[in-house]
Amino acid sequence: MISLSWPQQKLLLEGEPFRIISGAMHYFRCVPEYWEDRLRKIKAMGCNTVETYVPWNVHEPHEGEFHFEGMADIVKFIRIAEQVGLYLIVRPAPYICAEWEFGGFPAWLLNRELRLRTSDPSYLQKVAAYYDQLIPLLAPLQKSKGGPILAFQIENEYGSYGNDQAYLQALRQMLVERGIEELLFTSDGPNDLMLSGGITSGIWATANFGSRANEGFDTLLKHQPDAPLMCMEFWNGWFDQWGKEHHTRDGKDAANSLDEILARGASVNFYMAHGGTNFGFMNGANYSEKYEPTITSYDYDSPISEAGDLTSKYHFFREVIGKYAPVPKEPLPANTVKAGYGTVDVKRRVSLYHALDTLSIPQNSIVPEPMECYGQAYGFILYTTQISDAQQTYTLNVDDVRDRALVLIDNKPVGVIERWDTSKEPLTIQVPEGGAKLDLLVENMGRVNYGPLLASDRKGIVNGVRLDYQFHSHWEVRTLPLQGVPDFESLAEEALMLGEEGTEPSFYEAELVIEGEPADTFLYLDGWKKGVAFVNGFNLGRYWEVGPQRSLYVPAPILKQGSNCIVVFELHGAGKTLRFESTPQL
């Protein structure tokens, strides 16, 4: 039984007039301890529904290994939303975009001969195996079964990528066969080509846009004249990329666009209501003229900030919603407590080279292959080889590095090769008499999540390494996913350097002592260059001096009273201290 229906373009919920006023929040971008806090704030803004994507790569990180616990516990998230009093829109499509690593696809798909986002039977077989695990968790939570889920998306902005109608219908059938009986929908940009490719028979079509609502809805009506209107992604802010300006959108301007949507009688989903954080290595990237990776913060200039604070935009939106629907009269939920813990000193350092054997097992490779060939999804990969002294000066050609390679000769940095900097001359390296060890430490900075390069963004070294014109063979390869950090206590005493700076990639350890109940805080790495920060083993994400982001969000639930272990993996040159403040700088 479909709970949502529409006679004469009127949306009904179990026969009664209903307008969806929804806010997007991704459970996988927020620690579970804060799910209820964020959901209560979404409801207090005037929303009756919350929307979330479902990232395949979170739930099946390795083929056949499924994960639905902790930050991946989607059932718990849905149940909390239900307790708060919100309906759910769930978007379980295999592709989500979302500025998320590989658009939500698991990296192991790149090690298969598959045509992603098509009716290729080999690809659909992988989707079906995933759905066999995911959909039985969601089916009992449908409104028709007494749960809160009103609708499911079959694919995401497909018209921006392809037009394989057999594929869209196959996804529809997979959901139906596994017990989904609620309303199914697609969402696409308000463009004739996008809508013609993304709409499919028997599925509710919705549109995504940030402004010019009437124009967008008029275009949608040309393709679907007999259904209610909905903006499934009302882009009220935007995401940031490394090395570019921080995006903001004036709250009054966004509220005026919202007013235009609601005045049309349409439903809406705020993208985002609460953006959250790309913890770990899960940020995505775009590629138009060049590769552009997304930053760690996914604040999105949302009405509820990355750290859960109510912004001026929140209050503007709540005021507009109140013109068209009732908003809760209870006092607004409070912001979470923030604290500045001051500055802590780095205690000791260990070089990556001293820690290698605790982090990785070497593999021999005739030529350097992409990291997916070694079963690796995220993080760093180290390629090592020996160069003879047949000559002492070489031009190092790495034709397709993905995405950023630190070049070292005998453990000493000599240069950097970056995917996006195509104007740079090839690196010239000097090899001492007798030969030298050459290392290429390559960082996966996030797979492309949108556009035609989506299906081909393997990481590491993709097309070999040449010294002058000659391809170089025989490499030792170490995968460095950094799912954990070195245990400083177990390392040999001579490996640990107290208060000593290094030029090679190194891990640095510091201690933050907290008296009393921990609060949210923000980590600043003044004087540090580029790397990754961990707190009590939790990967906060990347930092980089190019900005725009200057601080990393540290949620209170990953801290503890007493001693907290901070580990920073720095690629270039470390600062001397770490600073914890009560306010962010994005």
Protein backbone atom coordinates (compact mmCIF):
# COMPACT_ATOMS: atom_id res chain seq x y z
CA MET A 1 0.00 0.00 0.00
CA ILE A 2 1.42 3.37 -1.02
CA SER A 3 0.95 5.85 1.82
CA LEU A 4 1.73 8.89 -0.36
CA SER A 5 -0.45 9.44 -3.45
CA TRP A 6 -1.67 12.27 -5.65
CA PRO A 7 -5.00 12.88 -7.33
CA GLN A 8 -5.01 16.01 -9.53
CA GLN A 9 -1.50 17.11 -8.48
CA LYS A 10 -2.43 17.10 -4.79
CA LEU A 11 -0.09 15.17 -2.51
CA LEU A 12 -1.98 13.04 -0.01
CA LEU A 13 -0.73 11.05 2.98
CA GLU A 14 -3.17 8.23 3.70
CA GLY A 15 -5.89 10.24 1.97
CA GLU A 16 -5.27 13.56 3.74
CA PRO A 17 -3.63 16.64 2.15
CA PHE A 18 0.08 16.68 2.94
CA ARG A 19 3.07 18.81 2.02
CA ILE A 20 6.59 17.46 2.55
CA ILE A 21 8.80 19.96 4.34
CA SER A 22 12.02 18.03 4.73
CA GLY A 23 15.60 18.65 5.76
CA ALA A 24 18.58 16.62 4.57
CA MET A 25 20.93 15.14 7.14
CA HIS A 26 23.40 12.31 6.52
CA TYR A 27 23.79 9.91 9.43
CA PHE A 28 27.25 8.99 8.13
CA ARG A 29 28.46 12.59 8.49
CA CYS A 30 27.53 12.92 12.16
CA VAL A 31 28.55 10.90 15.22
CA PRO A 32 25.58 8.80 16.47
CA GLU A 33 25.57 10.50 19.85
CA TYR A 34 24.42 13.68 18.07
CA TRP A 35 21.78 12.21 15.76
CA GLU A 36 18.91 13.05 18.11
CA ASP A 37 20.19 16.58 18.71
CA ARG A 38 20.36 17.37 14.99
CA LEU A 39 17.01 15.71 14.25
CA ARG A 40 15.25 17.68 16.99
CA LYS A 41 16.66 20.88 15.50
CA ILE A 42 15.43 19.90 12.04
CA LYS A 43 11.93 19.34 13.43
CA ALA A 44 12.00 22.59 15.42
CA MET A 45 12.71 24.49 12.18
CA GLY A 46 9.29 23.37 10.94
CA CYS A 47 10.19 20.20 9.03
CA ASN A 48 7.93 17.14 9.16
CA THR A 49 10.44 14.90 7.37
CA VAL A 50 14.17 14.20 7.27
CA GLU A 51 15.97 12.94 4.17
CA THR A 52 19.17 10.90 3.98
CA TYR A 53 21.30 9.22 1.38
CA VAL A 54 22.62 5.69 1.95
CA PRO A 55 26.30 5.31 0.92
CA TRP A 56 27.12 1.88 -0.48
CA ASN A 57 30.84 2.28 0.32
CA VAL A 58 30.07 2.72 4.02
CA HIS A 59 27.91 -0.40 4.20
CA GLU A 60 29.95 -2.73 1.96
CA PRO A 61 33.54 -1.44 2.20
CA HIS A 62 34.86 -4.81 0.97
CA GLU A 63 32.88 -7.02 -1.36
CA GLY A 64 30.65 -9.32 0.64
CA GLU A 65 31.49 -7.66 3.99
CA PHE A 66 28.58 -5.61 5.27
CA HIS A 67 28.58 -3.01 8.02
CA PHE A 68 25.51 -1.57 9.75
CA GLU A 69 26.89 -0.56 13.14
CA GLY A 70 28.09 2.66 14.79
CA MET A 71 27.96 5.56 12.32
CA ALA A 72 26.59 3.07 9.76
CA ASP A 73 23.58 2.05 11.90
CA ILE A 74 20.90 3.37 9.57
CA VAL A 75 18.09 1.52 11.37
CA LYS A 76 18.97 3.23 14.64
CA PHE A 77 19.03 6.60 12.88
CA ILE A 78 15.58 6.00 11.37
CA ARG A 79 14.15 4.90 14.71
CA ILE A 80 15.49 8.02 16.43
CA ALA A 81 13.93 10.19 13.70
CA GLU A 82 10.64 8.39 14.27
CA GLN A 83 10.84 9.01 18.02
CA VAL A 84 11.51 12.68 17.38
CA GLY A 85 8.37 12.80 15.25
CA LEU A 86 9.78 12.97 11.72
CA TYR A 87 8.93 11.02 8.60
CA LEU A 88 11.80 9.76 6.41
CA ILE A 89 12.78 10.06 2.77
CA VAL A 90 15.49 7.47 2.09
CA ARG A 91 17.76 7.51 -0.96
CA PRO A 92 19.34 4.03 -1.16
CA ALA A 93 20.34 4.27 -4.82
CA PRO A 94 23.78 2.76 -5.52
CA TYR A 95 25.02 6.22 -6.57
CA ILE A 96 24.46 9.22 -4.27
CA CYS A 97 26.93 11.96 -5.42
CA ALA A 98 26.70 14.03 -2.18
CA GLU A 99 30.31 15.22 -2.54
CA TRP A 100 31.08 11.84 -0.99
CA GLU A 101 34.00 9.60 -1.98
CA PHE A 102 33.27 8.00 -5.39
CA GLY A 103 29.67 9.20 -5.14
CA GLY A 104 29.00 6.43 -2.63
CA PHE A 105 30.27 3.57 -4.77
CA PRO A 106 32.69 1.17 -3.04
CA ALA A 107 36.23 1.35 -4.43
CA TRP A 108 36.36 -2.39 -5.14
CA LEU A 109 34.00 -1.86 -8.07
CA LEU A 110 36.93 -0.26 -9.91
CA ASN A 111 38.74 -3.60 -9.82
CA ARG A 112 35.97 -5.23 -11.86
CA GLU A 113 35.05 -4.97 -15.53
CA LEU A 114 31.74 -3.23 -14.93
CA ARG A 115 29.76 -0.48 -16.62
CA LEU A 116 28.61 1.55 -13.63
CA ARG A 117 25.16 3.16 -13.73
CA THR A 118 23.99 1.07 -16.67
CA SER A 119 21.94 -2.08 -17.23
CA ASP A 120 25.17 -4.10 -17.50
CA PRO A 121 24.18 -7.43 -15.87
CA SER A 122 27.53 -7.72 -14.05
CA TYR A 123 27.01 -4.35 -12.39
CA LEU A 124 23.36 -5.03 -11.56
CA GLN A 125 24.41 -8.29 -9.94
CA LYS A 126 26.63 -6.35 -7.49
CA VAL A 127 23.80 -3.91 -6.75
CA ALA A 128 21.42 -6.81 -6.14
CA ALA A 129 23.81 -8.43 -3.65
CA TYR A 130 24.06 -5.14 -1.76
CA TYR A 131 20.29 -4.65 -1.80
CA ASP A 132 19.82 -8.18 -0.46
CA GLN A 133 21.46 -6.92 2.74
CA LEU A 134 20.21 -3.31 2.86
CA ILE A 135 16.59 -3.39 1.73
CA PRO A 136 15.36 -6.02 4.25
CA LEU A 137 16.49 -3.58 6.96
CA LEU A 138 14.46 -0.75 5.44
CA ALA A 139 11.31 -2.55 4.25
CA PRO A 140 9.83 -3.04 7.76
CA LEU A 141 10.31 0.69 8.43
CA GLN A 142 7.95 1.82 5.65
CA LYS A 143 4.87 3.85 6.59
CA SER A 144 2.65 1.08 5.25
CA LYS A 145 4.28 -1.28 7.78
CA GLY A 146 3.88 1.12 10.68
CA GLY A 147 7.26 2.83 10.24
CA PRO A 148 8.22 6.39 9.27
CA ILE A 149 9.61 6.00 5.69
CA LEU A 150 7.41 7.68 3.08
CA ALA A 151 9.48 7.42 -0.11
CA PHE A 152 12.59 5.89 -1.71
CA GLN A 153 14.78 7.21 -4.50
CA ILE A 154 15.72 4.75 -7.26
CA GLU A 155 18.68 6.74 -8.71
CA ASN A 156 20.21 10.15 -8.17
CA GLU A 157 20.46 12.86 -10.84
CA TYR A 158 20.77 10.15 -13.44
CA GLY A 159 19.93 12.49 -16.30
CA SER A 160 23.21 14.32 -15.61
CA TYR A 161 25.02 11.09 -16.46
CA GLY A 162 23.06 8.72 -18.71
CA ASN A 163 19.74 7.75 -20.26
CA ASP A 164 19.57 3.96 -19.83
CA GLN A 165 15.87 3.42 -19.13
CA ALA A 166 16.42 -0.31 -18.70
CA TYR A 167 18.78 0.51 -15.84
CA LEU A 168 16.28 2.74 -14.04
CA GLN A 169 13.55 0.13 -14.40
CA ALA A 170 15.89 -2.59 -13.13
CA LEU A 171 16.54 -0.54 -9.97
CA ARG A 172 12.81 -0.01 -9.54
CA GLN A 173 12.19 -3.74 -9.87
CA MET A 174 14.92 -4.59 -7.35
CA LEU A 175 13.23 -2.44 -4.72
CA VAL A 176 9.76 -3.82 -5.43
CA GLU A 177 10.97 -7.43 -5.35
CA ARG A 178 12.50 -6.82 -1.92
CA GLY A 179 9.29 -5.51 -0.42
CA ILE A 180 9.37 -1.75 -1.05
CA GLU A 181 5.82 -0.56 -1.69
CA GLU A 182 6.00 3.13 -0.84
CA LEU A 183 6.36 5.94 -3.33
CA LEU A 184 9.46 5.73 -5.57
CA PHE A 185 11.03 8.85 -7.07
CA THR A 186 13.89 10.30 -9.11
CA SER A 187 15.51 13.73 -8.79
CA ASP A 188 17.24 15.71 -11.54
CA GLY A 189 18.28 19.21 -12.44
CA PRO A 190 15.51 21.35 -14.03
CA ASN A 191 16.94 20.96 -17.50
CA ASP A 192 15.23 19.28 -20.46
CA LEU A 193 18.11 16.93 -21.23
CA MET A 194 18.60 15.99 -17.57
CA LEU A 195 14.91 15.34 -17.01
CA SER A 196 14.49 13.35 -20.23
CA GLY A 197 17.35 11.05 -19.20
CA GLY A 198 16.49 10.81 -15.52
CA ILE A 199 12.71 10.37 -15.57
CA THR A 200 11.32 6.86 -16.01
CA SER A 201 7.84 5.39 -16.34
CA GLY A 202 5.81 4.92 -13.17
CA ILE A 203 8.21 6.90 -10.95
CA TRP A 204 7.58 10.32 -9.38
CA ALA A 205 9.97 12.89 -10.83
CA THR A 206 11.29 15.71 -8.63
CA ALA A 207 13.74 18.55 -9.34
CA ASN A 208 16.92 19.88 -7.71
CA PHE A 209 17.80 23.59 -7.71
CA GLY A 210 18.77 26.50 -5.49
CA SER A 211 16.86 29.41 -7.03
CA ARG A 212 14.41 30.39 -9.81
CA ALA A 213 11.87 27.92 -8.44
CA ASN A 214 9.01 28.80 -10.76
CA GLU A 215 11.23 28.41 -13.80
CA GLY A 216 12.45 25.03 -12.56
CA PHE A 217 8.95 23.79 -11.77
CA ASP A 218 7.65 24.91 -15.17
CA THR A 219 10.35 22.83 -16.85
CA LEU A 220 9.48 19.84 -14.64
CA LEU A 221 5.78 20.17 -15.56
CA LYS A 222 6.62 19.89 -19.25
CA HIS A 223 7.96 16.40 -18.56
CA GLN A 224 5.50 15.39 -15.82
CA PRO A 225 2.28 17.42 -15.98
CA ASP A 226 0.13 15.21 -13.77
CA ALA A 227 2.04 15.00 -10.45
CA PRO A 228 2.71 17.23 -7.43
CA LEU A 229 5.76 19.47 -7.49
CA MET A 230 8.73 18.94 -5.22
CA CYS A 231 12.21 20.41 -5.01
CA MET A 232 14.07 17.37 -3.70
CA GLU A 233 17.30 19.33 -3.22
CA PHE A 234 16.86 23.00 -2.38
CA TRP A 235 20.51 24.09 -2.44
CA ASN A 236 20.52 26.67 0.36
CA GLY A 237 24.33 26.70 0.59
CA TRP A 238 27.26 25.04 -1.15
CA PHE A 239 30.33 22.89 -0.50
CA ASP A 240 33.99 23.95 -0.46
CA GLN A 241 37.08 22.68 -2.26
CA TRP A 242 40.73 22.91 -1.25
CA GLY A 243 42.49 26.03 -2.43
CA LYS A 244 39.28 27.94 -3.23
CA GLU A 245 37.12 30.44 -1.38
CA HIS A 246 34.68 29.43 1.36
CA HIS A 247 31.11 29.47 0.04
CA THR A 248 28.29 31.24 1.84
CA ARG A 249 24.80 32.22 0.76
CA ASP A 250 22.92 35.12 2.27
CA GLY A 251 20.19 33.78 4.56
CA LYS A 252 17.55 36.26 3.39
CA ASP A 253 18.25 35.44 -0.26
CA ALA A 254 17.89 31.71 0.45
CA ALA A 255 14.70 32.35 2.44
CA ASN A 256 13.21 34.28 -0.51
CA SER A 257 13.86 31.28 -2.75
CA LEU A 258 12.21 29.01 -0.18
CA ASP A 259 9.20 31.33 -0.12
CA GLU A 260 8.91 31.01 -3.89
CA ILE A 261 8.89 27.20 -3.61
CA LEU A 262 6.26 27.10 -0.88
CA ALA A 263 4.10 29.79 -2.49
CA ARG A 264 3.87 27.54 -5.55
CA GLY A 265 2.28 24.88 -3.34
CA ALA A 266 5.28 22.59 -3.76
CA SER A 267 7.04 20.32 -1.31
CA VAL A 268 10.68 20.90 -0.42
CA ASN A 269 13.77 19.20 0.97
CA PHE A 270 16.54 21.47 2.29
CA TYR A 271 19.93 20.37 0.99
CA MET A 272 21.44 20.54 3.50
CA ALA A 273 19.56 21.15 6.76
CA HIS A 274 22.64 19.88 8.61
CA GLY A 275 25.72 19.16 6.51
CA GLY A 276 28.11 17.53 8.97
CA THR A 277 31.67 16.38 8.32
CA ASN A 278 33.61 14.27 5.82
CA PHE A 279 35.44 12.40 8.55
CA GLY A 280 38.38 10.21 7.57
CA PHE A 281 39.10 9.96 3.85
CA MET A 282 35.48 10.12 2.67
CA ASN A 283 35.39 13.48 0.88
CA GLY A 284 34.68 13.37 -2.82
CA ALA A 285 36.02 15.48 -5.69
CA ASN A 286 34.81 17.16 -8.84
CA TYR A 287 36.47 17.30 -12.22
CA SER A 288 35.49 19.85 -14.83
CA GLU A 289 38.59 21.51 -16.23
CA LYS A 290 40.77 20.01 -13.52
CA TYR A 291 40.59 17.79 -10.44
CA GLU A 292 39.16 19.63 -7.40
CA PRO A 293 38.88 17.72 -4.10
CA THR A 294 36.31 18.62 -1.46
CA ILE A 295 37.46 19.73 2.00
CA THR A 296 36.88 17.86 5.27
CA SER A 297 34.06 20.10 6.52
CA TYR A 298 30.64 19.63 4.94
CA ASP A 299 29.13 22.57 6.81
CA TYR A 300 27.53 23.61 3.49
CA ASP A 301 26.56 26.96 5.04
CA SER A 302 23.49 25.06 6.26
CA PRO A 303 20.85 26.38 8.67
CA ILE A 304 22.31 23.99 11.28
CA SER A 305 26.10 24.30 11.31
CA GLU A 306 28.66 21.51 11.13
CA ALA A 307 28.85 21.58 14.93
CA GLY A 308 25.08 21.70 15.41
CA ASP A 309 24.59 25.43 16.00
CA LEU A 310 21.43 27.24 14.89
CA THR A 311 22.41 29.95 12.39
CA SER A 312 20.64 33.10 11.21
CA LYS A 313 19.62 31.13 8.11
CA TYR A 314 17.81 28.68 10.40
CA HIS A 315 15.68 31.47 11.83
CA PHE A 316 14.94 32.95 8.38
CA PHE A 317 13.78 29.55 7.14
CA ARG A 318 11.67 28.91 10.21
CA GLU A 319 9.91 32.24 9.69
CA VAL A 320 9.10 31.42 6.05
CA ILE A 321 7.90 27.91 6.88
CA GLY A 322 5.59 29.41 9.51
CA LYS A 323 3.71 31.25 6.76
CA TYR A 324 2.66 27.97 5.17
CA ALA A 325 2.68 25.31 7.92
CA PRO A 326 2.64 25.09 11.70
CA VAL A 327 6.03 25.20 13.43
CA PRO A 328 6.62 23.76 16.91
CA LYS A 329 5.93 26.23 19.72
CA GLU A 330 8.38 24.70 22.19
CA PRO A 331 11.64 26.56 22.93
CA LEU A 332 14.32 25.91 20.33
CA PRO A 333 16.92 23.26 21.19
CA ALA A 334 20.15 24.66 22.61
CA ASN A 335 23.46 24.59 20.79
CA THR A 336 25.91 21.98 22.01
CA VAL A 337 28.53 23.19 24.49
CA LYS A 338 31.82 24.35 22.95
CA ALA A 339 35.17 24.70 24.70
CA GLY A 340 38.63 26.03 23.96
CA TYR A 341 41.27 23.84 25.56
CA GLY A 342 44.23 25.98 24.59
CA THR A 343 47.57 24.85 23.21
CA VAL A 344 49.32 21.50 23.64
CA ASP A 345 52.90 20.66 22.72
CA VAL A 346 54.01 17.83 20.49
CA LYS A 347 55.59 15.16 22.70
CA ARG A 348 57.37 12.95 20.20
CA ARG A 349 57.67 11.99 16.56
CA VAL A 350 58.18 8.82 14.59
CA SER A 351 59.16 8.84 10.92
CA LEU A 352 56.87 7.00 8.53
CA TYR A 353 59.89 4.87 7.61
CA HIS A 354 60.36 3.70 11.21
CA ALA A 355 56.63 2.90 11.52
CA LEU A 356 56.20 1.16 8.15
CA ASP A 357 56.42 -2.41 9.40
CA THR A 358 53.67 -1.76 11.96
CA LEU A 359 51.38 -0.29 9.29
CA SER A 360 51.85 -2.37 6.17
CA ILE A 361 53.19 -5.55 4.61
CA PRO A 362 55.33 -5.01 1.48
CA GLN A 363 54.23 -6.42 -1.85
CA ASN A 364 56.39 -6.84 -4.95
CA SER A 365 55.13 -5.45 -8.21
CA ILE A 366 56.71 -5.46 -11.66
CA VAL A 367 55.22 -2.04 -12.37
CA PRO A 368 53.39 0.31 -10.01
CA GLU A 369 49.65 -0.39 -10.20
CA PRO A 370 46.67 1.65 -8.92
CA MET A 371 45.86 1.10 -5.25
CA GLU A 372 42.67 -0.81 -6.10
CA CYS A 373 44.82 -3.59 -7.58
CA TYR A 374 46.30 -4.14 -4.13
CA GLY A 375 42.89 -4.26 -2.46
CA GLN A 376 43.16 -0.72 -1.08
CA ALA A 377 40.38 1.87 -1.06
CA TYR A 378 41.54 5.00 0.81
CA GLY A 379 44.54 6.76 2.30
CA PHE A 380 48.11 6.64 1.01
CA ILE A 381 50.22 4.20 -0.97
CA LEU A 382 54.03 4.03 -1.01
CA TYR A 383 55.89 2.90 -4.14
CA THR A 384 59.62 2.16 -3.66
CA THR A 385 62.31 1.23 -6.16
CA GLN A 386 66.10 1.38 -6.62
CA ILE A 387 67.78 3.53 -9.24
CA SER A 388 71.22 2.61 -10.49
CA ASP A 389 73.83 5.26 -11.21
CA ALA A 390 73.96 4.69 -14.97
CA GLN A 391 73.49 8.43 -15.05
CA GLN A 392 73.01 10.88 -12.21
CA THR A 393 70.31 13.23 -13.49
CA TYR A 394 66.89 12.00 -14.57
CA THR A 395 63.58 13.51 -15.60
CA LEU A 396 60.92 11.81 -13.50
CA ASN A 397 57.73 11.30 -15.52
CA VAL A 398 54.61 10.12 -13.65
CA ASP A 399 52.05 10.56 -16.38
CA ASP A 400 48.92 10.02 -14.32
CA VAL A 401 49.33 10.44 -10.58
CA ARG A 402 46.16 10.31 -8.52
CA ASP A 403 46.18 12.49 -6.75
CA ARG A 404 49.27 13.92 -5.10
CA ALA A 405 52.73 12.32 -4.90
CA LEU A 406 55.52 13.25 -2.52
CA VAL A 407 58.85 12.29 -4.14
CA LEU A 408 61.73 11.21 -1.88
CA ILE A 409 65.30 10.18 -2.64
CA ASP A 410 66.89 8.13 0.15
CA ASN A 411 64.04 9.22 2.46
CA LYS A 412 64.57 12.92 1.74
CA PRO A 413 61.80 14.94 0.01
CA VAL A 414 62.81 16.36 -3.37
CA GLY A 415 59.47 17.44 -4.84
CA VAL A 416 55.74 17.05 -5.21
CA ILE A 417 53.69 15.98 -8.24
CA GLU A 418 50.06 17.12 -8.22
CA ARG A 419 47.33 15.86 -10.53
CA TRP A 420 45.77 19.28 -11.01
CA ASP A 421 48.98 21.15 -11.83
CA THR A 422 49.45 20.20 -15.47
CA SER A 423 51.52 23.31 -16.25
CA LYS A 424 54.46 22.16 -14.15
CA GLU A 425 57.58 20.84 -15.85
CA PRO A 426 58.47 17.21 -15.01
CA LEU A 427 60.59 16.86 -11.89
CA THR A 428 64.34 16.54 -12.31
CA ILE A 429 65.96 14.27 -9.73
CA GLN A 430 69.61 13.89 -8.80
CA VAL A 431 70.88 10.38 -8.03
CA PRO A 432 74.15 10.08 -6.11
CA GLU A 433 76.97 7.90 -7.33
CA GLY A 434 76.19 4.28 -6.52
CA GLY A 435 72.44 4.69 -6.94
CA ALA A 436 69.58 5.62 -4.64
CA LYS A 437 66.19 4.59 -3.31
CA LEU A 438 63.23 6.36 -4.93
CA ASP A 439 59.93 6.63 -3.05
CA LEU A 440 56.63 7.95 -4.33
CA LEU A 441 54.15 8.45 -1.49
CA VAL A 442 50.79 8.98 -3.21
CA GLU A 443 47.68 10.33 -1.49
CA ASN A 444 44.17 9.49 -2.65
CA MET A 445 42.51 12.86 -2.05
CA GLY A 446 39.00 11.64 -2.86
CA ARG A 447 37.51 9.94 -5.89
CA VAL A 448 35.45 11.95 -8.35
CA ASN A 449 31.80 11.91 -7.24
CA TYR A 450 30.10 13.54 -10.22
CA GLY A 451 30.35 13.59 -14.00
CA PRO A 452 31.78 11.45 -16.79
CA LEU A 453 35.07 10.61 -15.02
CA LEU A 454 33.20 8.99 -12.16
CA ALA A 455 33.70 5.45 -13.44
CA SER A 456 37.43 5.68 -14.13
CA ASP A 457 39.02 7.41 -11.14
CA ARG A 458 41.45 4.77 -9.90
CA LYS A 459 44.01 6.00 -7.40
CA GLY A 460 47.78 5.85 -6.93
CA ILE A 461 49.95 5.52 -10.02
CA VAL A 462 47.85 4.61 -13.04
CA ASN A 463 50.16 4.65 -16.08
CA GLY A 464 53.61 3.78 -14.81
CA VAL A 465 56.76 5.75 -14.00
CA ARG A 466 59.46 6.74 -16.48
CA LEU A 467 63.00 7.91 -15.88
CA ASP A 468 63.58 10.04 -18.94
CA TYR A 469 61.93 7.96 -21.70
CA GLN A 470 62.35 4.57 -20.00
CA PHE A 471 59.63 2.87 -17.99
CA HIS A 472 61.03 1.77 -14.65
CA SER A 473 60.26 -1.73 -13.39
CA HIS A 474 60.36 -3.68 -10.11
CA TRP A 475 58.80 -1.89 -7.19
CA GLU A 476 58.00 -2.60 -3.57
CA VAL A 477 54.51 -1.42 -2.71
CA ARG A 478 53.04 -0.69 0.71
CA THR A 479 49.37 0.14 1.16
CA LEU A 480 48.75 2.71 3.88
CA PRO A 481 44.99 3.02 4.46
CA LEU A 482 45.75 4.41 7.95
CA GLN A 483 42.76 2.70 9.53
CA GLY A 484 44.80 3.08 12.70
CA VAL A 485 47.90 4.96 13.81
CA PRO A 486 51.26 3.65 15.04
CA ASP A 487 51.41 2.46 18.62
CA PHE A 488 54.17 4.73 19.88
CA GLU A 489 54.66 2.61 22.99
CA SER A 490 55.51 -0.50 20.98
CA LEU A 491 58.08 1.18 18.73
CA ALA A 492 61.78 0.85 19.44
CA GLU A 493 63.16 3.66 21.55
CA GLU A 494 65.56 4.76 18.83
CA ALA A 495 62.60 5.28 16.46
CA LEU A 496 61.04 7.90 18.72
CA MET A 497 62.37 11.43 18.45
CA LEU A 498 61.53 13.79 21.29
CA GLY A 499 60.87 17.37 20.25
CA GLU A 500 62.75 16.84 17.01
CA GLU A 501 61.48 18.11 13.66
CA GLY A 502 61.79 16.07 10.50
CA THR A 503 61.45 16.76 6.80
CA GLU A 504 60.24 13.27 5.87
CA PRO A 505 56.57 12.24 6.43
CA SER A 506 56.11 11.56 10.14
CA PHE A 507 53.60 10.86 12.87
CA TYR A 508 53.51 13.34 15.74
CA GLU A 509 51.96 12.62 19.13
CA ALA A 510 50.47 15.06 21.63
CA GLU A 511 48.28 14.79 24.72
CA LEU A 512 45.18 16.82 25.52
CA VAL A 513 44.09 16.60 29.15
CA ILE A 514 40.45 17.48 29.83
CA GLU A 515 39.10 18.15 33.28
CA GLY A 516 35.39 17.49 33.62
CA GLU A 517 32.88 16.59 30.91
CA PRO A 518 34.33 17.03 27.37
CA ALA A 519 32.77 19.58 25.03
CA ASP A 520 32.91 20.12 21.28
CA THR A 521 36.08 21.87 20.19
CA PHE A 522 38.00 22.81 17.04
CA LEU A 523 41.57 21.77 16.26
CA TYR A 524 43.89 24.35 14.67
CA LEU A 525 47.23 23.24 13.22
CA ASP A 526 49.19 26.50 13.05
CA GLY A 527 52.42 26.10 11.11
CA TRP A 528 51.58 22.58 9.90
CA LYS A 529 51.46 21.98 6.15
CA LYS A 530 49.34 19.01 5.05
CA GLY A 531 48.18 15.77 6.56
CA VAL A 532 45.61 13.94 8.65
CA ALA A 533 44.67 14.30 12.33
CA PHE A 534 43.48 11.57 14.70
CA VAL A 535 41.93 11.97 18.16
CA ASN A 536 41.82 8.82 20.31
CA GLY A 537 42.19 6.83 17.10
CA PHE A 538 39.28 8.58 15.35
CA ASN A 539 40.23 10.04 11.96
CA LEU A 540 39.03 13.67 11.97
CA GLY A 541 40.02 14.12 8.32
CA ARG A 542 42.52 16.08 6.26
CA TYR A 543 44.00 19.51 6.92
CA TRP A 544 45.96 21.59 4.40
CA GLU A 545 47.52 25.00 4.63
CA VAL A 546 46.05 26.06 1.25
CA GLY A 547 42.64 26.44 2.98
CA PRO A 548 39.95 27.61 3.00
CA GLN A 549 39.37 25.40 6.05
CA ARG A 550 41.61 26.31 9.00
CA SER A 551 40.11 24.17 11.77
CA LEU A 552 38.89 20.59 12.18
CA TYR A 553 35.69 19.85 14.10
CA VAL A 554 36.23 17.61 17.14
CA PRO A 555 32.87 16.30 18.48
CA ALA A 556 32.73 15.84 22.25
CA PRO A 557 31.75 12.13 22.03
CA ILE A 558 35.17 11.17 20.66
CA LEU A 559 36.88 12.93 23.58
CA LYS A 560 37.08 11.69 27.17
CA GLN A 561 37.74 13.10 30.60
CA GLY A 562 41.43 12.91 31.40
CA SER A 563 44.09 12.06 28.82
CA ASN A 564 43.30 12.23 25.09
CA CYS A 565 45.81 11.02 22.49
CA ILE A 566 46.29 13.29 19.47
CA VAL A 567 48.25 11.91 16.50
CA VAL A 568 49.00 13.94 13.39
CA PHE A 569 50.39 12.45 10.17
CA GLU A 570 52.25 15.37 8.57
CA LEU A 571 53.65 15.08 5.05
CA HIS A 572 56.01 18.06 4.97
CA GLY A 573 56.89 20.14 8.00
CA ALA A 574 55.22 20.08 11.39
CA GLY A 575 54.31 22.95 13.64
CA LYS A 576 55.40 22.85 17.26
CA THR A 577 51.96 22.94 18.90
CA LEU A 578 48.29 22.10 18.42
CA ARG A 579 45.56 24.54 19.41
CA PHE A 580 41.99 23.80 20.50
CA GLU A 581 39.49 26.67 20.24
CA SER A 582 35.75 27.04 20.85
CA THR A 583 34.98 28.51 17.40
CA PRO A 584 35.75 27.25 13.89
CA GLN A 585 37.30 28.94 10.89
CA LEU A 586 36.02 27.59 7.59
